[in-house]
């Protein structure tokens, strides 16, 4: 099966990633995850329940419309997203 990824407007304020590659979704979630400011001092982090990270891409594959330019920008540095068994590239974006 060939690798495929598309974007779709979801509920007018979010973008949904439609793809058949779990590896691609995992890499995008990892790329758009950040450490919350002051996470070290939060009770859930101290108890070992939470790692202090907050992903901008949900498990369902949606992200806020406002980070769409950063999404394309991230793809401009990766001309080909190659995964084992996929053998191809997916999205290519250019930042103006």
Protein backbone atom coordinates (compact mmCIF):
# COMPACT_ATOMS: atom_id res chain seq x y z
CA UNK A 1 0.00 0.00 0.00
CA UNK A 2 1.41 3.39 -0.98
CA UNK A 3 1.82 6.16 1.56
CA UNK A 4 -0.80 8.88 1.36
CA UNK A 5 -1.57 11.96 3.46
CA UNK A 6 -4.19 14.65 2.97
CA UNK A 7 -5.47 17.59 5.02
CA UNK A 8 -9.12 18.39 5.56
CA UNK A 9 -10.97 21.20 7.34
CA UNK A 10 -12.58 19.84 10.52
CA UNK A 11 -15.27 21.75 12.46
CA UNK A 12 -14.19 25.06 10.85
CA UNK A 13 -11.40 25.67 13.39
CA UNK A 14 -9.23 22.58 13.10
CA UNK A 15 -7.38 20.66 10.39
CA UNK A 16 -7.57 16.86 10.20
CA UNK A 17 -4.71 14.76 8.85
CA UNK A 18 -6.04 11.89 6.76
CA UNK A 19 -3.35 9.27 6.29
CA UNK A 20 -2.84 5.52 6.08
CA UNK A 21 0.53 5.65 7.89
CA UNK A 22 0.69 5.31 11.67
CA UNK A 23 4.43 6.08 11.56
CA UNK A 24 3.74 9.43 9.90
CA UNK A 25 1.14 10.34 12.54
CA UNK A 26 3.53 9.39 15.33
CA UNK A 27 6.30 11.54 13.85
CA UNK A 28 3.95 14.53 13.40
CA UNK A 29 2.66 14.22 16.98
CA UNK A 30 6.24 14.07 18.23
CA UNK A 31 7.28 17.08 16.12
CA UNK A 32 4.38 19.16 17.43
CA UNK A 33 4.72 18.29 21.12
CA UNK A 34 6.17 20.76 23.58
CA UNK A 35 7.07 20.88 27.26
CA UNK A 36 4.65 22.95 29.32
CA UNK A 37 6.23 25.91 31.07
CA UNK A 38 6.83 25.10 34.74
CA UNK A 39 5.96 21.42 34.26
CA UNK A 40 8.63 20.36 36.73
CA UNK A 41 6.72 21.93 39.62
CA UNK A 42 3.28 20.51 38.77
CA UNK A 43 1.87 17.83 41.09
CA UNK A 44 1.08 15.32 38.32
CA UNK A 45 4.66 15.54 37.02
CA UNK A 46 6.09 15.12 40.51
CA UNK A 47 3.86 12.09 41.11
CA UNK A 48 5.14 10.50 37.89
CA UNK A 49 1.72 10.45 36.23
CA UNK A 50 2.55 12.97 33.49
CA UNK A 51 5.73 13.63 31.50
CA UNK A 52 5.21 17.40 31.18
CA UNK A 53 4.49 17.31 27.45
CA UNK A 54 1.47 18.66 25.61
CA UNK A 55 0.84 17.63 21.98
CA UNK A 56 -0.76 20.09 19.54
CA UNK A 57 -1.95 17.20 17.33
CA UNK A 58 -4.66 15.07 18.95
CA UNK A 59 -4.73 11.25 18.78
CA UNK A 60 -7.55 11.64 16.24
CA UNK A 61 -5.14 13.57 13.99
CA UNK A 62 -6.54 17.09 14.32
CA UNK A 63 -4.64 20.28 15.07
CA UNK A 64 -5.56 23.98 15.41
CA UNK A 65 -5.94 25.86 12.13
CA UNK A 66 -3.51 28.50 13.39
CA UNK A 67 -0.49 26.18 13.25
CA UNK A 68 -1.03 25.25 9.58
CA UNK A 69 1.86 27.52 8.44
CA UNK A 70 4.21 25.79 10.91
CA UNK A 71 2.97 22.41 9.66
CA UNK A 72 3.92 23.32 6.06
CA UNK A 73 7.18 24.86 7.27
CA UNK A 74 8.12 21.60 9.01
CA UNK A 75 7.57 19.74 5.75
CA UNK A 76 9.78 22.14 3.80
CA UNK A 77 12.78 20.81 5.77
CA UNK A 78 11.82 17.19 5.12
CA UNK A 79 11.58 16.80 1.33
CA UNK A 80 10.69 13.12 1.71
CA UNK A 81 9.14 11.33 4.65
CA UNK A 82 10.34 7.80 4.10
CA UNK A 83 9.20 4.93 6.27
CA UNK A 84 9.99 1.24 6.08
CA UNK A 85 7.81 -0.33 3.44
CA UNK A 86 6.36 2.98 2.24
CA UNK A 87 9.02 3.88 -0.32
CA UNK A 88 7.90 7.38 -1.14
CA UNK A 89 7.48 10.95 -0.15
CA UNK A 90 4.38 12.69 1.05
CA UNK A 91 3.65 16.35 1.65
CA UNK A 92 5.99 19.05 0.44
CA UNK A 93 5.44 22.63 1.49
CA UNK A 94 7.12 25.95 0.89
CA UNK A 95 7.33 28.82 3.33
CA UNK A 96 7.10 32.28 1.84
